[in-house]
Protein backbone atom coordinates (compact mmCIF):
# COMPACT_ATOMS: atom_id res chain seq x y z
CA MET A 1 -11.26 28.94 13.66
CA LYS A 2 -14.39 26.96 13.57
CA LEU A 3 -15.28 27.30 17.15
CA ARG A 4 -14.26 30.95 17.55
CA SER A 5 -16.90 31.56 15.09
CA ILE A 6 -19.38 29.65 16.61
CA LEU A 7 -18.78 31.48 19.96
CA CYS A 8 -19.28 34.56 18.15
CA GLY A 9 -22.51 34.00 16.89
CA MET A 10 -23.80 32.68 19.59
CA LEU A 11 -22.49 35.78 21.64
CA ALA A 12 -24.02 38.31 19.04
CA PHE A 13 -27.73 36.19 19.59
CA ALA A 14 -27.41 36.70 23.26
CA ALA A 15 -26.48 40.22 23.02
CA VAL A 16 -29.96 40.78 20.53
CA VAL A 17 -32.22 38.37 22.51
CA GLY A 18 -30.94 39.95 25.90
CA CYS A 19 -31.41 43.85 25.15
CA LYS A 20 -35.02 43.20 23.81
CA GLU A 21 -36.99 46.34 25.09
CA GLU A 22 -40.31 45.17 26.69
CA LEU A 23 -43.24 47.41 25.82
CA PRO A 24 -45.30 48.94 28.26
CA LEU A 25 -48.74 47.43 29.13
CA GLU A 26 -51.79 49.19 27.90
CA PRO A 27 -53.89 49.78 30.65
CA LYS A 28 -57.08 47.82 30.78
CA LEU A 29 -60.12 49.20 33.19
CA ASN A 30 -63.39 47.40 33.79
CA VAL A 31 -66.41 48.29 35.98
CA SER A 32 -69.25 46.21 36.10
CA ARG A 33 -71.80 48.77 36.46
CA THR A 34 -71.97 52.59 34.80
CA ALA A 35 -75.25 53.69 37.02
CA ALA A 36 -77.92 53.18 39.92
CA GLU A 37 -80.42 54.40 41.50
CA VAL A 38 -80.59 55.04 45.56
CA ALA A 39 -83.68 56.17 47.60
CA ALA A 40 -83.54 59.04 49.67
CA GLU A 41 -82.62 57.56 52.90
CA GLY A 42 -79.43 56.38 51.01
CA ALA A 43 -77.96 53.09 50.49
CA SER A 44 -74.58 51.27 49.90
CA ILE A 45 -74.07 50.14 46.34
CA THR A 46 -71.71 48.06 45.07
CA VAL A 47 -69.35 47.78 41.75
CA GLU A 48 -66.87 45.38 40.80
CA VAL A 49 -63.52 46.29 39.31
CA THR A 50 -61.06 44.91 37.57
CA SER A 51 -57.47 46.07 36.19
CA ASN A 52 -54.03 45.16 35.03
CA THR A 53 -52.64 48.71 36.63
CA THR A 54 -53.16 50.42 39.49
CA TRP A 55 -56.57 52.34 39.39
CA ASN A 56 -58.42 54.98 41.78
CA ALA A 57 -61.79 56.04 42.09
CA GLU A 58 -63.13 59.46 42.83
CA ALA A 59 -66.66 61.03 43.20
CA ASN A 60 -67.80 64.91 42.76
CA GLN A 61 -69.91 65.36 45.07
CA ASN A 62 -69.67 64.74 49.35
CA TRP A 63 -73.11 63.41 49.69
CA ILE A 64 -71.22 60.32 48.42
CA SER A 65 -69.44 59.85 51.74
CA SER A 66 -67.31 56.84 51.00
CA ILE A 67 -65.66 54.63 48.60
CA THR A 68 -64.06 51.81 49.70
CA PRO A 69 -61.62 50.77 48.53
CA SER A 70 -60.97 53.87 46.43
CA GLN A 71 -57.60 52.66 44.77
CA GLY A 72 -56.45 48.67 43.83
CA THR A 73 -53.47 47.44 41.71
CA ALA A 74 -53.49 45.20 39.13
CA SER A 75 -55.80 42.17 39.41
CA GLU A 76 -57.19 39.51 37.41
CA GLU A 77 -60.06 38.67 40.00
CA PRO A 78 -62.21 41.55 40.41
CA VAL A 79 -62.43 43.65 43.57
CA THR A 80 -65.84 44.62 44.88
CA VAL A 81 -65.92 48.18 45.82
CA THR A 82 -68.53 49.67 48.51
CA ILE A 83 -70.22 53.25 47.30
CA LYS A 84 -71.95 55.08 50.69
CA ALA A 85 -74.92 57.56 49.43
CA GLU A 86 -75.79 59.42 52.38
CA GLU A 87 -79.54 60.43 53.16
CA ASN A 88 -81.18 63.08 50.26
CA GLU A 89 -82.24 65.79 52.93
CA GLU A 90 -83.65 68.07 50.08
CA THR A 91 -86.82 67.61 48.14
CA ASP A 92 -84.62 67.62 44.29
CA GLY A 93 -82.92 64.56 42.94
CA ARG A 94 -79.63 64.50 42.54
CA THR A 95 -76.65 63.51 40.86
CA ALA A 96 -72.96 62.12 41.09
CA VAL A 97 -70.50 60.75 39.25
CA ILE A 98 -68.11 58.38 40.49
CA THR A 99 -64.49 58.64 38.18
CA PHE A 100 -62.69 54.81 38.03
CA THR A 101 -59.12 55.66 36.26
CA ALA A 102 -56.34 53.36 35.59
CA GLY A 103 -53.87 55.77 33.60
CA PRO A 104 -55.16 57.39 30.61
CA VAL A 105 -58.35 55.04 30.78
CA GLU A 106 -61.60 56.65 32.83
CA LYS A 107 -65.00 54.92 33.42
CA THR A 108 -68.08 56.56 35.02
CA MET A 109 -70.92 55.76 36.89
CA VAL A 110 -73.62 57.54 37.42
CA ILE A 111 -75.63 57.39 40.65
CA SER A 112 -78.64 59.15 40.97
């Protein structure tokens, strides 16, 4: 009888521990720069991105010709992202916003 009580207790404990629900990971996103200036001739800019979940990057202007890589996966090591700004053939200045997103978290970088 005593052995039966001990086994039932162990079984109940295992059931409670085994049913523990995993809490979802809170997305974190770090971008090493929030702004950059480029010459009228155009340039490539680098920024470091670290996230504990998948992330992506998108520009709001077409003179930002590439963002490489434009997406990534969770990593403790920073990922170097290269942003290429094309030559400004106009006399006016210009501004673009790069939006980095990891789940509901957003960080922006302004390029002028």
